[in-house]
Amino acid sequence: MAGFSDYLEDKVLDHVFGGTAYTAPTTLYVALYTVAPDDTGGGTEVTGGAYARQTSTFNVSGTSPTTATNAAAVEYPTATADYGTVVAVGIVDALTSGNLLAYANLDTSKVVTSGDVFRFDAGDLDITLA
């Protein structure tokens, strides 16, 4: 992943150094973007065509760096309309709205048209802190 959002950075710093407890979300969702978000959020998330954020769980392992990797495949419903060109992915804390936690541009953008199924295989989404 390219980075943590300002939202998550603030929560981690407040938790570790400010004494303000941060409760991690119980469910994480993977969002697709046609315009990439950045540290402040934003971007243009895919809408319509049966698109919905998908849940994912992550396995955390290693040291220097520690990496969180999606434990299972993340598969979206068959598109019933064109999504456009998917260029980025984000991890968010709610099925709709919510807060962007981490994000990255895809290594290769993908044009998703009606009838396509967008999928990340297990282990394809890596979040690393070095």
N, C-alpha and C. Protein backbone atom coordinates (compact mmCIF):
# COMPACT_ATOMS: atom_id res chain seq x y z
N MET A 1 0.84 -1.18 0.00
CA MET A 1 0.00 0.00 0.00
C MET A 1 0.89 1.24 0.00
N ALA A 2 0.39 2.28 -0.60
CA ALA A 2 1.16 3.52 -0.69
C ALA A 2 1.26 4.23 0.65
N GLY A 3 0.21 4.18 1.43
CA GLY A 3 0.31 4.88 2.69
C GLY A 3 -0.93 4.80 3.55
N PHE A 4 -0.76 5.27 4.75
CA PHE A 4 -1.88 5.41 5.67
C PHE A 4 -2.52 6.77 5.42
N SER A 5 -3.79 6.85 5.66
CA SER A 5 -4.49 8.12 5.56
C SER A 5 -4.12 8.99 6.76
N ASP A 6 -4.35 10.30 6.62
CA ASP A 6 -4.14 11.21 7.75
C ASP A 6 -4.99 10.77 8.94
N TYR A 7 -6.21 10.30 8.66
CA TYR A 7 -7.11 9.84 9.71
C TYR A 7 -6.44 8.75 10.56
N LEU A 8 -5.91 7.72 9.91
CA LEU A 8 -5.30 6.61 10.66
C LEU A 8 -4.00 7.04 11.33
N GLU A 9 -3.21 7.86 10.67
CA GLU A 9 -1.98 8.36 11.29
C GLU A 9 -2.30 9.11 12.59
N ASP A 10 -3.32 9.97 12.55
CA ASP A 10 -3.72 10.71 13.75
C ASP A 10 -4.17 9.77 14.86
N LYS A 11 -4.97 8.75 14.51
CA LYS A 11 -5.46 7.79 15.51
C LYS A 11 -4.31 7.02 16.15
N VAL A 12 -3.34 6.58 15.35
CA VAL A 12 -2.20 5.82 15.88
C VAL A 12 -1.35 6.70 16.80
N LEU A 13 -1.05 7.91 16.37
CA LEU A 13 -0.24 8.81 17.20
C LEU A 13 -0.95 9.16 18.50
N ASP A 14 -2.26 9.46 18.41
CA ASP A 14 -3.03 9.75 19.63
C ASP A 14 -3.05 8.54 20.56
N HIS A 15 -3.16 7.35 20.00
CA HIS A 15 -3.22 6.12 20.79
C HIS A 15 -1.88 5.86 21.49
N VAL A 16 -0.79 5.92 20.75
CA VAL A 16 0.52 5.57 21.29
C VAL A 16 1.10 6.67 22.18
N PHE A 17 0.98 7.91 21.75
CA PHE A 17 1.65 9.00 22.46
C PHE A 17 0.72 9.91 23.23
N GLY A 18 -0.56 9.93 22.88
CA GLY A 18 -1.48 10.85 23.52
C GLY A 18 -2.38 10.23 24.56
N GLY A 19 -2.31 8.91 24.68
CA GLY A 19 -3.13 8.25 25.69
C GLY A 19 -4.59 8.14 25.35
N THR A 20 -4.95 8.39 24.09
CA THR A 20 -6.34 8.27 23.67
C THR A 20 -6.52 6.92 23.00
N ALA A 21 -7.34 6.07 23.59
CA ALA A 21 -7.52 4.72 23.05
C ALA A 21 -8.12 4.76 21.66
N TYR A 22 -7.61 3.92 20.79
CA TYR A 22 -8.16 3.74 19.44
C TYR A 22 -8.68 2.31 19.35
N THR A 23 -9.92 2.17 19.00
CA THR A 23 -10.51 0.86 18.82
C THR A 23 -10.52 0.55 17.32
N ALA A 24 -9.80 -0.49 16.97
CA ALA A 24 -9.72 -0.87 15.56
C ALA A 24 -11.09 -1.31 15.07
N PRO A 25 -11.40 -1.07 13.79
CA PRO A 25 -12.68 -1.51 13.25
C PRO A 25 -12.80 -3.03 13.30
N THR A 26 -14.00 -3.52 13.52
CA THR A 26 -14.20 -4.96 13.57
C THR A 26 -14.24 -5.58 12.18
N THR A 27 -14.58 -4.78 11.19
CA THR A 27 -14.62 -5.25 9.80
C THR A 27 -13.88 -4.25 8.92
N LEU A 28 -13.05 -4.77 8.02
CA LEU A 28 -12.35 -3.93 7.05
C LEU A 28 -12.94 -4.19 5.67
N TYR A 29 -13.05 -3.12 4.88
CA TYR A 29 -13.63 -3.19 3.55
C TYR A 29 -12.61 -2.72 2.53
N VAL A 30 -12.64 -3.34 1.36
CA VAL A 30 -11.74 -2.98 0.27
C VAL A 30 -12.55 -2.22 -0.77
N ALA A 31 -12.13 -0.98 -1.05
CA ALA A 31 -12.80 -0.10 -2.00
C ALA A 31 -11.96 0.04 -3.26
N LEU A 32 -12.62 0.21 -4.39
CA LEU A 32 -11.95 0.42 -5.67
C LEU A 32 -12.16 1.86 -6.12
N TYR A 33 -11.13 2.44 -6.74
CA TYR A 33 -11.17 3.84 -7.15
C TYR A 33 -10.79 4.01 -8.62
N THR A 34 -11.50 4.94 -9.29
CA THR A 34 -11.13 5.32 -10.66
C THR A 34 -10.25 6.56 -10.65
N VAL A 35 -10.27 7.30 -9.56
CA VAL A 35 -9.31 8.38 -9.29
C VAL A 35 -8.77 8.10 -7.90
N ALA A 36 -7.46 8.00 -7.79
CA ALA A 36 -6.82 7.56 -6.54
C ALA A 36 -7.05 8.54 -5.40
N PRO A 37 -7.28 8.01 -4.20
CA PRO A 37 -7.32 8.87 -3.01
C PRO A 37 -5.89 9.23 -2.60
N ASP A 38 -5.79 10.09 -1.59
CA ASP A 38 -4.47 10.42 -1.03
C ASP A 38 -4.60 10.44 0.49
N ASP A 39 -3.61 10.97 1.18
CA ASP A 39 -3.61 10.97 2.64
C ASP A 39 -4.87 11.58 3.26
N THR A 40 -5.45 12.54 2.56
CA THR A 40 -6.62 13.23 3.10
C THR A 40 -7.93 12.54 2.73
N GLY A 41 -7.86 11.46 1.94
CA GLY A 41 -9.06 10.77 1.49
C GLY A 41 -9.32 11.11 0.05
N GLY A 42 -10.55 11.49 -0.24
CA GLY A 42 -10.90 11.90 -1.60
C GLY A 42 -10.84 10.74 -2.57
N GLY A 43 -10.44 11.06 -3.79
CA GLY A 43 -10.48 10.07 -4.85
C GLY A 43 -11.91 9.90 -5.34
N THR A 44 -12.07 9.06 -6.36
CA THR A 44 -13.40 8.76 -6.89
C THR A 44 -13.60 7.26 -6.80
N GLU A 45 -14.48 6.85 -5.88
CA GLU A 45 -14.76 5.43 -5.72
C GLU A 45 -15.74 4.98 -6.80
N VAL A 46 -15.58 3.74 -7.23
CA VAL A 46 -16.49 3.14 -8.20
C VAL A 46 -17.91 3.19 -7.62
N THR A 47 -18.90 3.44 -8.48
CA THR A 47 -20.30 3.40 -8.07
C THR A 47 -21.09 2.68 -9.16
N GLY A 48 -22.23 2.14 -8.78
CA GLY A 48 -23.13 1.53 -9.74
C GLY A 48 -22.64 0.20 -10.28
N GLY A 49 -23.43 -0.38 -11.14
CA GLY A 49 -23.06 -1.62 -11.80
C GLY A 49 -22.88 -2.80 -10.88
N ALA A 50 -23.61 -2.83 -9.75
CA ALA A 50 -23.55 -3.89 -8.73
C ALA A 50 -22.30 -3.80 -7.86
N TYR A 51 -21.53 -2.71 -8.00
CA TYR A 51 -20.34 -2.54 -7.16
C TYR A 51 -20.72 -2.35 -5.70
N ALA A 52 -19.97 -2.98 -4.83
CA ALA A 52 -20.07 -2.76 -3.39
C ALA A 52 -18.71 -3.09 -2.79
N ARG A 53 -18.32 -2.35 -1.78
CA ARG A 53 -17.09 -2.67 -1.06
C ARG A 53 -17.17 -4.10 -0.55
N GLN A 54 -16.02 -4.75 -0.55
CA GLN A 54 -15.96 -6.13 -0.10
C GLN A 54 -15.15 -6.23 1.19
N THR A 55 -15.53 -7.16 2.06
CA THR A 55 -14.81 -7.34 3.31
C THR A 55 -13.52 -8.11 3.06
N SER A 56 -12.58 -7.92 3.98
CA SER A 56 -11.32 -8.66 3.92
C SER A 56 -10.77 -8.80 5.32
N THR A 57 -10.10 -9.90 5.55
CA THR A 57 -9.32 -10.08 6.77
C THR A 57 -7.85 -10.12 6.36
N PHE A 58 -7.00 -9.78 7.30
CA PHE A 58 -5.57 -9.69 7.02
C PHE A 58 -4.78 -10.51 8.02
N ASN A 59 -3.71 -11.13 7.54
CA ASN A 59 -2.73 -11.79 8.40
C ASN A 59 -1.55 -10.85 8.55
N VAL A 60 -1.06 -10.69 9.77
CA VAL A 60 0.08 -9.81 10.05
C VAL A 60 1.27 -10.68 10.41
N SER A 61 2.39 -10.44 9.73
CA SER A 61 3.57 -11.25 10.00
C SER A 61 4.84 -10.48 9.69
N GLY A 62 5.96 -11.03 10.17
CA GLY A 62 7.27 -10.47 9.87
C GLY A 62 7.66 -9.34 10.79
N THR A 63 8.91 -9.00 10.73
CA THR A 63 9.44 -7.83 11.43
C THR A 63 10.45 -7.17 10.50
N SER A 64 10.47 -5.88 10.55
CA SER A 64 11.40 -5.08 9.75
C SER A 64 11.48 -5.50 8.30
N PRO A 65 10.44 -5.49 7.53
CA PRO A 65 9.15 -4.86 7.83
C PRO A 65 8.10 -5.86 8.32
N THR A 66 7.10 -5.32 8.99
CA THR A 66 5.90 -6.06 9.33
C THR A 66 4.89 -5.81 8.22
N THR A 67 4.23 -6.88 7.78
CA THR A 67 3.30 -6.76 6.66
C THR A 67 1.96 -7.38 7.01
N ALA A 68 0.90 -6.69 6.65
CA ALA A 68 -0.46 -7.23 6.72
C ALA A 68 -0.86 -7.60 5.30
N THR A 69 -1.32 -8.83 5.12
CA THR A 69 -1.67 -9.35 3.80
C THR A 69 -3.08 -9.93 3.82
N ASN A 70 -3.85 -9.69 2.75
CA ASN A 70 -5.21 -10.23 2.72
C ASN A 70 -5.16 -11.76 2.80
N ALA A 71 -5.94 -12.31 3.72
CA ALA A 71 -5.90 -13.74 4.03
C ALA A 71 -6.63 -14.58 2.99
N ALA A 72 -7.60 -14.01 2.32
CA ALA A 72 -8.40 -14.74 1.33
C ALA A 72 -8.65 -13.84 0.13
N ALA A 73 -9.10 -14.44 -0.93
CA ALA A 73 -9.42 -13.66 -2.13
C ALA A 73 -10.50 -12.63 -1.82
N VAL A 74 -10.43 -11.49 -2.49
CA VAL A 74 -11.45 -10.45 -2.41
C VAL A 74 -12.06 -10.35 -3.80
N GLU A 75 -13.33 -10.74 -3.91
CA GLU A 75 -13.97 -10.78 -5.22
C GLU A 75 -15.24 -9.93 -5.20
N TYR A 76 -15.38 -9.11 -6.23
CA TYR A 76 -16.53 -8.22 -6.37
C TYR A 76 -17.61 -8.90 -7.20
N PRO A 77 -18.87 -8.50 -7.04
CA PRO A 77 -19.93 -9.10 -7.86
C PRO A 77 -19.69 -8.81 -9.35
N THR A 78 -20.26 -9.63 -10.18
CA THR A 78 -20.17 -9.40 -11.62
C THR A 78 -20.71 -8.01 -11.94
N ALA A 79 -19.91 -7.22 -12.64
CA ALA A 79 -20.32 -5.85 -12.99
C ALA A 79 -21.52 -5.90 -13.93
N THR A 80 -22.56 -5.14 -13.59
CA THR A 80 -23.74 -5.05 -14.45
C THR A 80 -23.70 -3.80 -15.32
N ALA A 81 -22.67 -2.99 -15.12
CA ALA A 81 -22.41 -1.80 -15.93
C ALA A 81 -20.91 -1.54 -15.85
N ASP A 82 -20.41 -0.70 -16.73
CA ASP A 82 -18.98 -0.39 -16.72
C ASP A 82 -18.60 0.35 -15.44
N TYR A 83 -17.49 -0.07 -14.81
CA TYR A 83 -16.94 0.65 -13.65
C TYR A 83 -16.04 1.79 -14.11
N GLY A 84 -15.47 1.66 -15.29
CA GLY A 84 -14.42 2.57 -15.74
C GLY A 84 -13.08 1.92 -15.51
N THR A 85 -12.02 2.73 -15.45
CA THR A 85 -10.68 2.21 -15.25
C THR A 85 -10.33 2.28 -13.77
N VAL A 86 -10.19 1.13 -13.14
CA VAL A 86 -9.84 1.06 -11.72
C VAL A 86 -8.33 1.26 -11.61
N VAL A 87 -7.93 2.30 -10.84
CA VAL A 87 -6.51 2.67 -10.73
C VAL A 87 -5.95 2.52 -9.33
N ALA A 88 -6.84 2.38 -8.32
CA ALA A 88 -6.37 2.38 -6.94
C ALA A 88 -7.31 1.56 -6.06
N VAL A 89 -6.79 1.22 -4.88
CA VAL A 89 -7.54 0.46 -3.90
C VAL A 89 -7.39 1.15 -2.55
N GLY A 90 -8.41 1.04 -1.73
CA GLY A 90 -8.35 1.61 -0.39
C GLY A 90 -8.92 0.64 0.62
N ILE A 91 -8.44 0.70 1.84
CA ILE A 91 -8.99 -0.06 2.95
C ILE A 91 -9.77 0.94 3.81
N VAL A 92 -11.05 0.67 4.02
CA VAL A 92 -11.92 1.58 4.75
C VAL A 92 -12.59 0.86 5.91
N ASP A 93 -13.18 1.62 6.82
CA ASP A 93 -13.73 1.03 8.04
C ASP A 93 -15.25 0.91 8.06
N ALA A 94 -15.90 1.08 6.90
CA ALA A 94 -17.35 0.96 6.84
C ALA A 94 -17.79 0.54 5.44
N LEU A 95 -18.95 -0.09 5.37
CA LEU A 95 -19.48 -0.53 4.08
C LEU A 95 -19.79 0.65 3.17
N THR A 96 -20.30 1.74 3.76
CA THR A 96 -20.52 2.98 3.01
C THR A 96 -19.96 4.12 3.85
N SER A 97 -19.57 5.18 3.21
CA SER A 97 -18.94 6.33 3.89
C SER A 97 -17.76 5.83 4.71
N GLY A 98 -17.71 6.17 6.00
CA GLY A 98 -16.61 5.71 6.84
C GLY A 98 -15.32 6.46 6.60
N ASN A 99 -14.23 5.87 7.06
CA ASN A 99 -12.91 6.50 7.00
C ASN A 99 -11.94 5.65 6.19
N LEU A 100 -11.19 6.32 5.31
CA LEU A 100 -10.12 5.66 4.58
C LEU A 100 -8.98 5.42 5.56
N LEU A 101 -8.46 4.19 5.59
CA LEU A 101 -7.36 3.84 6.48
C LEU A 101 -6.02 3.76 5.75
N ALA A 102 -6.01 3.07 4.62
CA ALA A 102 -4.78 2.91 3.82
C ALA A 102 -5.19 2.86 2.36
N TYR A 103 -4.25 3.15 1.47
CA TYR A 103 -4.57 3.22 0.05
C TYR A 103 -3.31 2.99 -0.78
N ALA A 104 -3.51 2.63 -2.05
CA ALA A 104 -2.39 2.50 -2.99
C ALA A 104 -2.91 2.49 -4.41
N ASN A 105 -2.05 2.92 -5.31
CA ASN A 105 -2.34 2.76 -6.72
C ASN A 105 -2.10 1.30 -7.09
N LEU A 106 -2.86 0.78 -8.03
CA LEU A 106 -2.63 -0.57 -8.52
C LEU A 106 -1.35 -0.59 -9.36
N ASP A 107 -0.66 -1.71 -9.38
CA ASP A 107 0.52 -1.85 -10.25
C ASP A 107 0.12 -1.70 -11.71
N THR A 108 -1.06 -2.21 -12.05
CA THR A 108 -1.60 -2.10 -13.40
C THR A 108 -3.07 -1.74 -13.29
N SER A 109 -3.47 -0.66 -13.95
CA SER A 109 -4.88 -0.28 -13.92
C SER A 109 -5.69 -1.32 -14.71
N LYS A 110 -6.99 -1.39 -14.43
CA LYS A 110 -7.85 -2.38 -15.06
C LYS A 110 -9.16 -1.74 -15.48
N VAL A 111 -9.47 -1.84 -16.77
CA VAL A 111 -10.77 -1.40 -17.26
C VAL A 111 -11.77 -2.49 -16.93
N VAL A 112 -12.82 -2.13 -16.19
CA VAL A 112 -13.85 -3.09 -15.80
C VAL A 112 -15.12 -2.74 -16.57
N THR A 113 -15.57 -3.68 -17.39
CA THR A 113 -16.78 -3.47 -18.18
C THR A 113 -17.87 -4.44 -17.71
N SER A 114 -19.08 -4.20 -18.16
CA SER A 114 -20.21 -5.04 -17.78
C SER A 114 -19.88 -6.50 -18.09
N GLY A 115 -20.13 -7.36 -17.09
CA GLY A 115 -19.85 -8.79 -17.23
C GLY A 115 -18.53 -9.21 -16.60
N ASP A 116 -17.65 -8.24 -16.28
CA ASP A 116 -16.36 -8.55 -15.66
C ASP A 116 -16.52 -8.82 -14.17
N VAL A 117 -15.59 -9.59 -13.63
CA VAL A 117 -15.49 -9.82 -12.19
C VAL A 117 -14.10 -9.36 -11.76
N PHE A 118 -14.03 -8.36 -10.89
CA PHE A 118 -12.76 -7.85 -10.38
C PHE A 118 -12.40 -8.65 -9.14
N ARG A 119 -11.12 -9.07 -9.05
CA ARG A 119 -10.71 -9.95 -7.96
C ARG A 119 -9.25 -9.69 -7.57
N PHE A 120 -9.01 -9.71 -6.26
CA PHE A 120 -7.66 -9.78 -5.72
C PHE A 120 -7.48 -11.18 -5.14
N ASP A 121 -6.47 -11.89 -5.56
CA ASP A 121 -6.20 -13.20 -4.96
C ASP A 121 -5.67 -13.02 -3.55
N ALA A 122 -5.77 -14.08 -2.75
CA ALA A 122 -5.19 -14.06 -1.39
C ALA A 122 -3.71 -13.70 -1.52
N GLY A 123 -3.27 -12.80 -0.65
CA GLY A 123 -1.88 -12.38 -0.64
C GLY A 123 -1.53 -11.26 -1.60
N ASP A 124 -2.51 -10.77 -2.37
CA ASP A 124 -2.23 -9.69 -3.34
C ASP A 124 -2.22 -8.30 -2.72
N LEU A 125 -2.87 -8.12 -1.58
CA LEU A 125 -2.92 -6.80 -0.94
C LEU A 125 -1.97 -6.82 0.25
N ASP A 126 -0.90 -6.06 0.16
CA ASP A 126 0.10 -5.98 1.23
C ASP A 126 0.17 -4.58 1.80
N ILE A 127 0.11 -4.49 3.10
CA ILE A 127 0.29 -3.21 3.81
C ILE A 127 1.54 -3.38 4.65
N THR A 128 2.55 -2.56 4.36
CA THR A 128 3.84 -2.73 5.01
C THR A 128 4.28 -1.45 5.69
N LEU A 129 4.79 -1.60 6.90
CA LEU A 129 5.45 -0.50 7.60
C LEU A 129 6.91 -0.86 7.72
N ALA A 130 7.76 0.00 7.24
CA ALA A 130 9.20 -0.27 7.29
C ALA A 130 9.85 0.49 8.41
